[in-house]
Amino acid sequence: MDFLPIRRALLSVTDKSLLVEFATFLAQNQVELVSTGGTRRMLAEAELPVTPVSDVTGFPEILGGRVKTLHPNVHGGVLADKDNPEHLETLQQHEIKPFDLICVNLYNFADAAKKELDLKQAVEEIDIGGPTMLRAAAKNFHSILVVPGVSHYTAIMDEMRANKGKVGLDLRRRLAAETFGMVSEYDRMISAYLTDHTA
């Protein structure tokens, strides 16, 4: 679709600068907010209506936060092609609600690496769910908007204002391309770190 209405968003960010302002804008535009962990707490403290991701998955966050969003109720809602009637029928059959916007930025592994943690501690700073959601949303840019960083909030808000709450395909494609590059760079950084450090 050329212009995607933004009705449901999942926000899970490490960099929380301007988060409340962005989420407030979304909420004021009747966007349902779903969130995880510290992001959800910050939004709740700002008195924004926000659904915990555990309510979506029907399962608590486990393993010290290692598993939060890796669930069909999340990824089905991210990866469904909204132009494909079979996908929409599958969502309905399994009572999965689609997402329209995924706002994720990754654990700051670069900062963790500078702390000279031992290897066992350092790997805890490797983000798994974040890159998975980013890649899924970027792949499905025809049906969802991926937001990989704070620097894009203003452009997205401007686009939604200009298009009655919708976001165009060109912006979605550009952010998808940037997302794949960012995730690739993140993986290269981790690969270099693990190559240079012994157990």
N, C-alpha and C. Protein backbone atom coordinates (compact mmCIF):
# COMPACT_ATOMS: atom_id res chain seq x y z
N MET A 1 0.83 -1.19 0.00
CA MET A 1 0.00 0.00 0.00
C MET A 1 0.88 1.25 0.00
N ASP A 2 0.39 2.28 -0.66
CA ASP A 2 1.19 3.50 -0.76
C ASP A 2 1.22 4.27 0.56
N PHE A 3 0.06 4.47 1.15
CA PHE A 3 0.00 5.21 2.42
C PHE A 3 -0.56 4.30 3.51
N LEU A 4 0.24 4.13 4.55
CA LEU A 4 -0.08 3.21 5.64
C LEU A 4 -0.67 3.97 6.83
N PRO A 5 -1.91 3.67 7.21
CA PRO A 5 -2.44 4.28 8.44
C PRO A 5 -1.72 3.70 9.66
N ILE A 6 -1.29 4.57 10.56
CA ILE A 6 -0.61 4.12 11.78
C ILE A 6 -1.64 4.05 12.89
N ARG A 7 -1.96 2.82 13.29
CA ARG A 7 -2.99 2.60 14.32
C ARG A 7 -2.45 1.87 15.55
N ARG A 8 -1.36 1.11 15.36
CA ARG A 8 -0.84 0.30 16.47
C ARG A 8 0.68 0.28 16.39
N ALA A 9 1.33 0.59 17.50
CA ALA A 9 2.79 0.71 17.52
C ALA A 9 3.38 -0.09 18.67
N LEU A 10 4.54 -0.67 18.42
CA LEU A 10 5.31 -1.33 19.47
C LEU A 10 6.59 -0.53 19.66
N LEU A 11 6.83 -0.07 20.90
CA LEU A 11 8.00 0.73 21.21
C LEU A 11 8.85 0.00 22.24
N SER A 12 10.14 -0.18 21.94
CA SER A 12 11.07 -0.84 22.86
C SER A 12 12.46 -0.28 22.59
N VAL A 13 12.86 0.71 23.39
CA VAL A 13 14.06 1.48 23.05
C VAL A 13 15.05 1.55 24.21
N THR A 14 16.31 1.55 23.85
CA THR A 14 17.38 1.78 24.82
C THR A 14 17.59 3.28 25.00
N ASP A 15 17.66 4.00 23.88
CA ASP A 15 17.78 5.46 23.91
C ASP A 15 16.39 6.05 24.08
N LYS A 16 16.11 6.54 25.28
CA LYS A 16 14.77 7.02 25.59
C LYS A 16 14.61 8.53 25.42
N SER A 17 15.60 9.19 24.83
CA SER A 17 15.45 10.62 24.59
C SER A 17 14.31 10.85 23.60
N LEU A 18 13.48 11.83 23.91
CA LEU A 18 12.32 12.22 23.10
C LEU A 18 11.26 11.13 22.98
N LEU A 19 11.41 10.05 23.75
CA LEU A 19 10.45 8.96 23.69
C LEU A 19 9.05 9.42 24.09
N VAL A 20 8.95 10.12 25.21
CA VAL A 20 7.63 10.52 25.71
C VAL A 20 6.97 11.46 24.71
N GLU A 21 7.74 12.37 24.12
CA GLU A 21 7.17 13.31 23.15
C GLU A 21 6.62 12.54 21.93
N PHE A 22 7.40 11.58 21.44
CA PHE A 22 6.98 10.80 20.27
C PHE A 22 5.75 9.95 20.60
N ALA A 23 5.79 9.27 21.74
CA ALA A 23 4.67 8.42 22.13
C ALA A 23 3.42 9.25 22.40
N THR A 24 3.60 10.43 22.97
CA THR A 24 2.45 11.31 23.21
C THR A 24 1.79 11.71 21.89
N PHE A 25 2.62 12.04 20.91
CA PHE A 25 2.08 12.37 19.58
C PHE A 25 1.29 11.19 19.02
N LEU A 26 1.85 9.99 19.13
CA LEU A 26 1.15 8.81 18.62
C LEU A 26 -0.17 8.62 19.35
N ALA A 27 -0.14 8.70 20.67
CA ALA A 27 -1.36 8.50 21.45
C ALA A 27 -2.42 9.54 21.10
N GLN A 28 -1.98 10.78 20.88
CA GLN A 28 -2.93 11.85 20.52
C GLN A 28 -3.54 11.61 19.14
N ASN A 29 -2.88 10.78 18.34
CA ASN A 29 -3.40 10.43 17.02
C ASN A 29 -4.06 9.04 17.03
N GLN A 30 -4.55 8.65 18.21
CA GLN A 30 -5.31 7.40 18.38
C GLN A 30 -4.52 6.15 18.00
N VAL A 31 -3.20 6.19 18.23
CA VAL A 31 -2.37 5.00 17.99
C VAL A 31 -2.28 4.21 19.29
N GLU A 32 -2.59 2.92 19.23
CA GLU A 32 -2.46 2.04 20.38
C GLU A 32 -0.97 1.78 20.64
N LEU A 33 -0.54 1.95 21.88
CA LEU A 33 0.87 1.76 22.24
C LEU A 33 1.05 0.44 22.97
N VAL A 34 2.04 -0.34 22.51
CA VAL A 34 2.45 -1.58 23.16
C VAL A 34 3.93 -1.43 23.47
N SER A 35 4.36 -1.92 24.64
CA SER A 35 5.76 -1.68 24.98
C SER A 35 6.30 -2.74 25.95
N THR A 36 7.62 -2.67 26.18
CA THR A 36 8.32 -3.63 27.01
C THR A 36 9.09 -2.92 28.11
N GLY A 37 9.33 -3.63 29.21
CA GLY A 37 10.28 -3.26 30.24
C GLY A 37 10.33 -1.80 30.62
N GLY A 38 11.55 -1.25 30.57
CA GLY A 38 11.79 0.13 30.97
C GLY A 38 11.08 1.14 30.09
N THR A 39 10.92 0.81 28.81
CA THR A 39 10.19 1.70 27.91
C THR A 39 8.74 1.82 28.35
N ARG A 40 8.12 0.69 28.67
CA ARG A 40 6.73 0.71 29.12
C ARG A 40 6.59 1.49 30.43
N ARG A 41 7.54 1.28 31.35
CA ARG A 41 7.46 2.00 32.63
C ARG A 41 7.54 3.51 32.42
N MET A 42 8.41 3.95 31.52
CA MET A 42 8.55 5.38 31.26
C MET A 42 7.26 5.96 30.67
N LEU A 43 6.64 5.23 29.77
CA LEU A 43 5.40 5.70 29.16
C LEU A 43 4.26 5.73 30.19
N ALA A 44 4.22 4.70 31.04
CA ALA A 44 3.19 4.66 32.08
C ALA A 44 3.37 5.80 33.07
N GLU A 45 4.63 6.11 33.42
CA GLU A 45 4.90 7.22 34.34
C GLU A 45 4.49 8.56 33.72
N ALA A 46 4.53 8.63 32.40
CA ALA A 46 4.07 9.84 31.70
C ALA A 46 2.55 9.84 31.51
N GLU A 47 1.90 8.85 32.12
CA GLU A 47 0.44 8.72 32.09
C GLU A 47 -0.11 8.52 30.68
N LEU A 48 0.67 7.80 29.86
CA LEU A 48 0.20 7.42 28.54
C LEU A 48 -0.41 6.02 28.61
N PRO A 49 -1.47 5.78 27.86
CA PRO A 49 -2.05 4.43 27.84
C PRO A 49 -1.12 3.49 27.09
N VAL A 50 -0.65 2.44 27.76
CA VAL A 50 0.32 1.55 27.13
C VAL A 50 0.04 0.12 27.58
N THR A 51 0.05 -0.79 26.63
CA THR A 51 -0.19 -2.21 26.89
C THR A 51 1.15 -2.93 27.03
N PRO A 52 1.37 -3.67 28.12
CA PRO A 52 2.61 -4.46 28.24
C PRO A 52 2.65 -5.54 27.16
N VAL A 53 3.83 -5.79 26.61
CA VAL A 53 3.93 -6.81 25.56
C VAL A 53 3.53 -8.18 26.09
N SER A 54 3.67 -8.39 27.40
CA SER A 54 3.26 -9.67 27.98
C SER A 54 1.75 -9.88 27.85
N ASP A 55 0.98 -8.80 27.78
CA ASP A 55 -0.46 -8.93 27.54
C ASP A 55 -0.74 -9.38 26.11
N VAL A 56 0.14 -9.01 25.20
CA VAL A 56 0.00 -9.41 23.80
C VAL A 56 0.40 -10.87 23.60
N THR A 57 1.50 -11.26 24.24
CA THR A 57 2.00 -12.62 24.07
C THR A 57 1.30 -13.63 24.97
N GLY A 58 0.70 -13.13 26.07
CA GLY A 58 0.13 -14.05 27.04
C GLY A 58 1.19 -14.80 27.81
N PHE A 59 2.39 -14.21 27.86
CA PHE A 59 3.54 -14.88 28.48
C PHE A 59 4.43 -13.81 29.10
N PRO A 60 4.96 -14.04 30.30
CA PRO A 60 5.80 -13.02 30.92
C PRO A 60 7.17 -12.92 30.26
N GLU A 61 7.82 -11.77 30.46
CA GLU A 61 9.23 -11.66 30.06
C GLU A 61 10.03 -12.63 30.92
N ILE A 62 10.92 -13.41 30.29
CA ILE A 62 11.66 -14.44 31.02
C ILE A 62 13.16 -14.37 30.76
N LEU A 63 13.90 -15.15 31.51
CA LEU A 63 15.35 -15.27 31.37
C LEU A 63 16.04 -13.92 31.51
N GLY A 64 15.61 -13.17 32.52
CA GLY A 64 16.22 -11.87 32.77
C GLY A 64 16.03 -10.89 31.63
N GLY A 65 14.93 -11.03 30.90
CA GLY A 65 14.66 -10.12 29.79
C GLY A 65 15.17 -10.60 28.45
N ARG A 66 15.83 -11.78 28.43
CA ARG A 66 16.32 -12.30 27.14
C ARG A 66 15.17 -12.61 26.18
N VAL A 67 14.03 -13.02 26.73
CA VAL A 67 12.88 -13.36 25.90
C VAL A 67 11.70 -12.48 26.30
N LYS A 68 11.36 -11.57 25.39
CA LYS A 68 10.23 -10.66 25.62
C LYS A 68 9.31 -10.63 24.42
N THR A 69 9.87 -10.42 23.25
CA THR A 69 9.07 -10.17 22.05
C THR A 69 9.14 -11.32 21.05
N LEU A 70 9.92 -12.35 21.34
CA LEU A 70 10.07 -13.47 20.40
C LEU A 70 8.85 -14.40 20.53
N HIS A 71 7.77 -14.02 19.85
CA HIS A 71 6.50 -14.71 20.00
C HIS A 71 5.65 -14.48 18.75
N PRO A 72 4.87 -15.49 18.31
CA PRO A 72 4.04 -15.32 17.11
C PRO A 72 3.04 -14.17 17.21
N ASN A 73 2.55 -13.86 18.42
CA ASN A 73 1.60 -12.75 18.54
C ASN A 73 2.25 -11.41 18.27
N VAL A 74 3.57 -11.35 18.41
CA VAL A 74 4.31 -10.14 18.03
C VAL A 74 4.74 -10.23 16.58
N HIS A 75 5.46 -11.29 16.23
CA HIS A 75 6.05 -11.35 14.90
C HIS A 75 5.03 -11.62 13.80
N GLY A 76 3.93 -12.30 14.14
CA GLY A 76 2.84 -12.40 13.17
C GLY A 76 2.28 -11.04 12.85
N GLY A 77 2.16 -10.20 13.88
CA GLY A 77 1.66 -8.84 13.69
C GLY A 77 2.62 -7.92 12.98
N VAL A 78 3.91 -8.27 12.99
CA VAL A 78 4.93 -7.48 12.31
C VAL A 78 5.10 -7.92 10.86
N LEU A 79 5.05 -9.23 10.62
CA LEU A 79 5.41 -9.77 9.30
C LEU A 79 4.24 -9.97 8.35
N ALA A 80 3.02 -9.78 8.82
CA ALA A 80 1.87 -9.98 7.93
C ALA A 80 1.85 -8.97 6.80
N ASP A 81 1.69 -9.45 5.58
CA ASP A 81 1.53 -8.61 4.39
C ASP A 81 0.07 -8.16 4.34
N LYS A 82 -0.17 -6.88 4.58
CA LYS A 82 -1.54 -6.38 4.66
C LYS A 82 -2.24 -6.34 3.30
N ASP A 83 -1.49 -6.56 2.22
CA ASP A 83 -2.09 -6.65 0.89
C ASP A 83 -2.42 -8.09 0.51
N ASN A 84 -2.14 -9.04 1.41
CA ASN A 84 -2.33 -10.46 1.13
C ASN A 84 -3.53 -10.98 1.94
N PRO A 85 -4.66 -11.28 1.28
CA PRO A 85 -5.85 -11.73 2.01
C PRO A 85 -5.60 -12.98 2.86
N GLU A 86 -4.72 -13.87 2.39
CA GLU A 86 -4.42 -15.08 3.17
C GLU A 86 -3.73 -14.72 4.49
N HIS A 87 -2.81 -13.75 4.46
CA HIS A 87 -2.16 -13.31 5.68
C HIS A 87 -3.18 -12.71 6.64
N LEU A 88 -4.06 -11.89 6.12
CA LEU A 88 -5.06 -11.26 6.98
C LEU A 88 -6.01 -12.30 7.58
N GLU A 89 -6.34 -13.31 6.79
CA GLU A 89 -7.20 -14.38 7.29
C GLU A 89 -6.49 -15.17 8.40
N THR A 90 -5.18 -15.40 8.22
CA THR A 90 -4.41 -16.11 9.24
C THR A 90 -4.37 -15.31 10.54
N LEU A 91 -4.15 -14.01 10.44
CA LEU A 91 -4.18 -13.17 11.64
C LEU A 91 -5.51 -13.29 12.36
N GLN A 92 -6.59 -13.23 11.59
CA GLN A 92 -7.92 -13.31 12.20
C GLN A 92 -8.13 -14.68 12.85
N GLN A 93 -7.69 -15.72 12.16
CA GLN A 93 -7.86 -17.09 12.66
C GLN A 93 -7.16 -17.27 14.01
N HIS A 94 -5.97 -16.66 14.15
CA HIS A 94 -5.18 -16.83 15.37
C HIS A 94 -5.33 -15.65 16.34
N GLU A 95 -6.25 -14.75 16.03
CA GLU A 95 -6.54 -13.60 16.89
C GLU A 95 -5.27 -12.77 17.15
N ILE A 96 -4.54 -12.50 16.06
CA ILE A 96 -3.33 -11.69 16.13
C ILE A 96 -3.63 -10.32 15.52
N LYS A 97 -3.33 -9.28 16.26
CA LYS A 97 -3.54 -7.92 15.75
C LYS A 97 -2.28 -7.43 15.04
N PRO A 98 -2.41 -6.85 13.86
CA PRO A 98 -1.22 -6.35 13.16
C PRO A 98 -0.66 -5.09 13.80
N PHE A 99 0.64 -4.93 13.65
CA PHE A 99 1.31 -3.69 14.02
C PHE A 99 1.51 -2.85 12.77
N ASP A 100 1.58 -1.53 12.97
CA ASP A 100 1.82 -0.60 11.86
C ASP A 100 3.15 0.13 12.01
N LEU A 101 3.69 0.14 13.21
CA LEU A 101 4.93 0.88 13.49
C LEU A 101 5.72 0.10 14.55
N ILE A 102 7.00 -0.12 14.27
CA ILE A 102 7.91 -0.74 15.22
C ILE A 102 9.04 0.24 15.49
N CYS A 103 9.14 0.70 16.72
CA CYS A 103 10.18 1.66 17.12
C CYS A 103 11.14 0.95 18.08
N VAL A 104 12.32 0.65 17.59
CA VAL A 104 13.30 -0.11 18.37
C VAL A 104 14.67 0.50 18.15
N ASN A 105 15.41 0.70 19.23
CA ASN A 105 16.86 0.88 19.07
C ASN A 105 17.56 -0.09 20.01
N LEU A 106 18.79 -0.42 19.67
CA LEU A 106 19.45 -1.60 20.23
C LEU A 106 20.25 -1.31 21.49
N TYR A 107 20.45 -2.37 22.29
CA TYR A 107 21.38 -2.26 23.42
C TYR A 107 22.69 -1.68 22.91
N ASN A 108 23.29 -0.80 23.68
CA ASN A 108 24.51 -0.14 23.24
C ASN A 108 25.72 -1.04 23.51
N PHE A 109 25.98 -1.95 22.58
CA PHE A 109 27.08 -2.89 22.76
C PHE A 109 28.44 -2.18 22.72
N ALA A 110 28.53 -1.11 21.97
CA ALA A 110 29.80 -0.36 21.90
C ALA A 110 30.20 0.13 23.28
N ASP A 111 29.24 0.67 24.03
CA ASP A 111 29.54 1.13 25.39
C ASP A 111 29.91 -0.04 26.30
N ALA A 112 29.21 -1.15 26.14
CA ALA A 112 29.51 -2.33 26.95
C ALA A 112 30.93 -2.82 26.68
N ALA A 113 31.32 -2.78 25.42
CA ALA A 113 32.67 -3.25 25.06
C ALA A 113 33.75 -2.38 25.70
N LYS A 114 33.48 -1.08 25.84
CA LYS A 114 34.46 -0.17 26.44
C LYS A 114 34.66 -0.42 27.93
N LYS A 115 33.70 -1.06 28.56
CA LYS A 115 33.78 -1.30 30.00
C LYS A 115 34.74 -2.43 30.37
N GLU A 116 35.24 -3.12 29.37
CA GLU A 116 36.17 -4.23 29.57
C GLU A 116 35.58 -5.29 30.51
N LEU A 117 34.32 -5.62 30.26
CA LEU A 117 33.68 -6.70 30.99
C LEU A 117 34.28 -8.03 30.57
N ASP A 118 34.14 -9.05 31.43
CA ASP A 118 34.58 -10.36 30.95
C ASP A 118 33.58 -10.83 29.89
N LEU A 119 33.97 -11.83 29.12
CA LEU A 119 33.20 -12.21 27.94
C LEU A 119 31.78 -12.65 28.31
N LYS A 120 31.65 -13.35 29.43
CA LYS A 120 30.33 -13.82 29.87
C LYS A 120 29.39 -12.64 30.15
N GLN A 121 29.93 -11.58 30.78
CA GLN A 121 29.12 -10.39 31.05
C GLN A 121 28.84 -9.62 29.77
N ALA A 122 29.83 -9.54 28.90
CA ALA A 122 29.68 -8.75 27.68
C ALA A 122 28.58 -9.29 26.78
N VAL A 123 28.45 -10.60 26.69
CA VAL A 123 27.44 -11.14 25.78
C VAL A 123 26.01 -10.82 26.26
N GLU A 124 25.86 -10.51 27.53
CA GLU A 124 24.53 -10.12 28.01
C GLU A 124 24.08 -8.79 27.41
N GLU A 125 25.03 -8.03 26.86
CA GLU A 125 24.71 -6.74 26.24
C GLU A 125 24.41 -6.89 24.75
N ILE A 126 24.38 -8.11 24.25
CA ILE A 126 24.05 -8.34 22.85
C ILE A 126 22.53 -8.44 22.71
N ASP A 127 21.97 -7.58 21.89
CA ASP A 127 20.52 -7.53 21.68
C ASP A 127 20.11 -8.63 20.69
N ILE A 128 19.07 -9.37 21.03
CA ILE A 128 18.55 -10.41 20.15
C ILE A 128 17.16 -10.03 19.63
N GLY A 129 16.25 -9.73 20.55
CA GLY A 129 14.89 -9.40 20.15
C GLY A 129 14.82 -8.14 19.31
N GLY A 130 15.66 -7.15 19.64
CA GLY A 130 15.66 -5.89 18.90
C GLY A 130 16.00 -6.06 17.43
N PRO A 131 17.17 -6.66 17.11
CA PRO A 131 17.50 -6.87 15.70
C PRO A 131 16.48 -7.74 14.97
N THR A 132 15.91 -8.71 15.68
CA THR A 132 14.90 -9.57 15.06
C THR A 132 13.68 -8.76 14.66
N MET A 133 13.20 -7.91 15.54
CA MET A 133 12.05 -7.07 15.21
C MET A 133 12.39 -6.06 14.12
N LEU A 134 13.58 -5.47 14.21
CA LEU A 134 13.97 -4.49 13.20
C LEU A 134 14.04 -5.12 11.82
N ARG A 135 14.67 -6.29 11.74
CA ARG A 135 14.79 -6.97 10.43
C ARG A 135 13.41 -7.37 9.90
N ALA A 136 12.56 -7.87 10.79
CA ALA A 136 11.22 -8.29 10.36
C ALA A 136 10.44 -7.10 9.81
N ALA A 137 10.46 -6.00 10.55
CA ALA A 137 9.72 -4.81 10.10
C ALA A 137 10.32 -4.23 8.83
N ALA A 138 11.65 -4.22 8.74
CA ALA A 138 12.30 -3.68 7.54
C ALA A 138 11.97 -4.53 6.31
N LYS A 139 11.95 -5.85 6.49
CA LYS A 139 11.58 -6.73 5.38
C LYS A 139 10.16 -6.42 4.90
N ASN A 140 9.27 -6.12 5.84
CA ASN A 140 7.85 -5.96 5.54
C ASN A 140 7.46 -4.49 5.38
N PHE A 141 8.37 -3.66 4.85
CA PHE A 141 8.13 -2.21 4.81
C PHE A 141 6.91 -1.84 3.98
N HIS A 142 6.45 -2.73 3.09
CA HIS A 142 5.22 -2.43 2.35
C HIS A 142 4.01 -2.34 3.28
N SER A 143 4.13 -2.98 4.47
CA SER A 143 2.98 -3.06 5.38
C SER A 143 3.23 -2.48 6.76
N ILE A 144 4.43 -2.00 7.02
CA ILE A 144 4.75 -1.53 8.37
C ILE A 144 5.87 -0.49 8.29
N LEU A 145 5.90 0.40 9.25
CA LEU A 145 6.96 1.42 9.34
C LEU A 145 7.95 1.00 10.42
N VAL A 146 9.21 0.92 10.07
CA VAL A 146 10.25 0.63 11.05
C VAL A 146 10.94 1.94 11.42
N VAL A 147 11.14 2.14 12.73
CA VAL A 147 11.76 3.36 13.24
C VAL A 147 13.01 2.95 14.02
N PRO A 148 14.19 3.05 13.40
CA PRO A 148 15.40 2.53 14.04
C PRO A 148 16.14 3.51 14.93
N GLY A 149 15.61 4.73 15.11
CA GLY A 149 16.34 5.67 15.95
C GLY A 149 15.58 6.96 16.18
N VAL A 150 16.03 7.67 17.22
CA VAL A 150 15.41 8.92 17.64
C VAL A 150 15.42 9.97 16.54
N SER A 151 16.45 9.96 15.71
CA SER A 151 16.61 11.01 14.70
C SER A 151 15.47 11.04 13.68
N HIS A 152 14.65 9.98 13.64
CA HIS A 152 13.57 9.91 12.65
C HIS A 152 12.22 10.37 13.19
N TYR A 153 12.13 10.61 14.48
CA TYR A 153 10.83 10.93 15.07
C TYR A 153 10.17 12.14 14.40
N THR A 154 10.94 13.20 14.21
CA THR A 154 10.36 14.43 13.65
C THR A 154 9.82 14.22 12.25
N ALA A 155 10.58 13.53 11.39
CA ALA A 155 10.13 13.29 10.02
C ALA A 155 8.85 12.46 9.99
N ILE A 156 8.78 11.49 10.90
CA ILE A 156 7.58 10.63 10.96
C ILE A 156 6.37 11.44 11.42
N MET A 157 6.56 12.25 12.44
CA MET A 157 5.45 13.08 12.91
C MET A 157 5.00 14.05 11.83
N ASP A 158 5.96 14.65 11.13
CA ASP A 158 5.61 15.57 10.04
C ASP A 158 4.81 14.86 8.95
N GLU A 159 5.26 13.65 8.61
CA GLU A 159 4.57 12.89 7.55
C GLU A 159 3.15 12.52 7.99
N MET A 160 3.00 12.12 9.24
CA MET A 160 1.67 11.76 9.73
C MET A 160 0.76 12.98 9.76
N ARG A 161 1.30 14.12 10.16
CA ARG A 161 0.49 15.35 10.16
C ARG A 161 0.03 15.71 8.75
N ALA A 162 0.94 15.54 7.79
CA ALA A 162 0.64 15.94 6.42
C ALA A 162 -0.31 14.98 5.72
N ASN A 163 -0.44 13.75 6.25
CA ASN A 163 -1.22 12.73 5.55
C ASN A 163 -2.30 12.09 6.43
N LYS A 164 -2.81 12.87 7.38
CA LYS A 164 -3.93 12.42 8.22
C LYS A 164 -3.63 11.09 8.91
N GLY A 165 -2.44 11.02 9.53
CA GLY A 165 -2.09 9.83 10.31
C GLY A 165 -1.49 8.70 9.51
N LYS A 166 -1.16 8.95 8.25
CA LYS A 166 -0.60 7.90 7.39
C LYS A 166 0.86 8.21 7.05
N VAL A 167 1.60 7.16 6.68
CA VAL A 167 3.00 7.31 6.31
C VAL A 167 3.20 6.69 4.93
N GLY A 168 3.89 7.42 4.06
CA GLY A 168 4.07 6.99 2.68
C GLY A 168 5.10 5.88 2.50
N LEU A 169 5.00 5.21 1.36
CA LEU A 169 5.87 4.08 1.04
C LEU A 169 7.33 4.50 0.91
N ASP A 170 7.59 5.68 0.38
CA ASP A 170 8.99 6.08 0.17
C ASP A 170 9.73 6.21 1.50
N LEU A 171 9.11 6.83 2.50
CA LEU A 171 9.74 6.94 3.81
C LEU A 171 9.93 5.56 4.43
N ARG A 172 8.94 4.69 4.29
CA ARG A 172 9.05 3.35 4.85
C ARG A 172 10.21 2.59 4.20
N ARG A 173 10.36 2.73 2.89
CA ARG A 173 11.45 2.05 2.19
C ARG A 173 12.82 2.58 2.63
N ARG A 174 12.93 3.90 2.75
CA ARG A 174 14.21 4.50 3.14
C ARG A 174 14.61 4.08 4.56
N LEU A 175 13.65 4.04 5.47
CA LEU A 175 13.98 3.63 6.83
C LEU A 175 14.29 2.13 6.90
N ALA A 176 13.65 1.34 6.04
CA ALA A 176 13.98 -0.09 5.98
C ALA A 176 15.42 -0.28 5.52
N ALA A 177 15.83 0.45 4.49
CA ALA A 177 17.20 0.34 3.99
C ALA A 177 18.20 0.74 5.07
N GLU A 178 17.92 1.83 5.77
CA GLU A 178 18.81 2.26 6.84
C GLU A 178 18.87 1.23 7.96
N THR A 179 17.73 0.62 8.26
CA THR A 179 17.68 -0.37 9.32
C THR A 179 18.55 -1.57 9.01
N PHE A 180 18.47 -2.09 7.79
CA PHE A 180 19.32 -3.24 7.44
C PHE A 180 20.80 -2.89 7.55
N GLY A 181 21.17 -1.68 7.12
CA GLY A 181 22.56 -1.26 7.26
C GLY A 181 22.99 -1.16 8.70
N MET A 182 22.12 -0.62 9.56
CA MET A 182 22.43 -0.46 10.97
C MET A 182 22.59 -1.81 11.67
N VAL A 183 21.67 -2.74 11.38
CA VAL A 183 21.75 -4.06 12.00
C VAL A 183 23.00 -4.80 11.53
N SER A 184 23.34 -4.64 10.26
CA SER A 184 24.57 -5.27 9.74
C SER A 184 25.80 -4.73 10.46
N GLU A 185 25.84 -3.43 10.68
CA GLU A 185 26.96 -2.82 11.38
C GLU A 185 27.02 -3.30 12.83
N TYR A 186 25.89 -3.45 13.46
CA TYR A 186 25.82 -3.96 14.83
C TYR A 186 26.40 -5.37 14.90
N ASP A 187 26.01 -6.21 13.96
CA ASP A 187 26.53 -7.58 13.94
C ASP A 187 28.03 -7.62 13.67
N ARG A 188 28.50 -6.74 12.79
CA ARG A 188 29.95 -6.69 12.52
C ARG A 188 30.73 -6.29 13.77
N MET A 189 30.18 -5.35 14.54
CA MET A 189 30.84 -4.91 15.77
C MET A 189 30.95 -6.07 16.77
N ILE A 190 29.87 -6.82 16.91
CA ILE A 190 29.89 -7.96 17.83
C ILE A 190 30.84 -9.04 17.34
N SER A 191 30.83 -9.31 16.05
CA SER A 191 31.73 -10.30 15.48
C SER A 191 33.19 -9.94 15.74
N ALA A 192 33.53 -8.65 15.57
CA ALA A 192 34.90 -8.21 15.81
C ALA A 192 35.25 -8.35 17.28
N TYR A 193 34.32 -8.03 18.17
CA TYR A 193 34.57 -8.12 19.61
C TYR A 193 34.83 -9.57 20.01
N LEU A 194 34.00 -10.48 19.54
CA LEU A 194 34.16 -11.89 19.91
C LEU A 194 35.44 -12.48 19.31
N THR A 195 35.82 -11.99 18.14
CA THR A 195 37.08 -12.45 17.52
C THR A 195 38.28 -12.03 18.33
N ASP A 196 38.20 -10.83 18.91
CA ASP A 196 39.36 -10.25 19.61
C ASP A 196 39.45 -10.64 21.09
N HIS A 197 38.41 -11.28 21.63
CA HIS A 197 38.40 -11.60 23.05
C HIS A 197 38.28 -13.10 23.28
N THR A 198 39.05 -13.60 24.19
CA THR A 198 38.99 -15.02 24.51
C THR A 198 38.05 -15.24 25.68
N ALA A 199 37.57 -16.45 25.80
CA ALA A 199 36.59 -16.79 26.85
C ALA A 199 37.25 -16.73 28.22
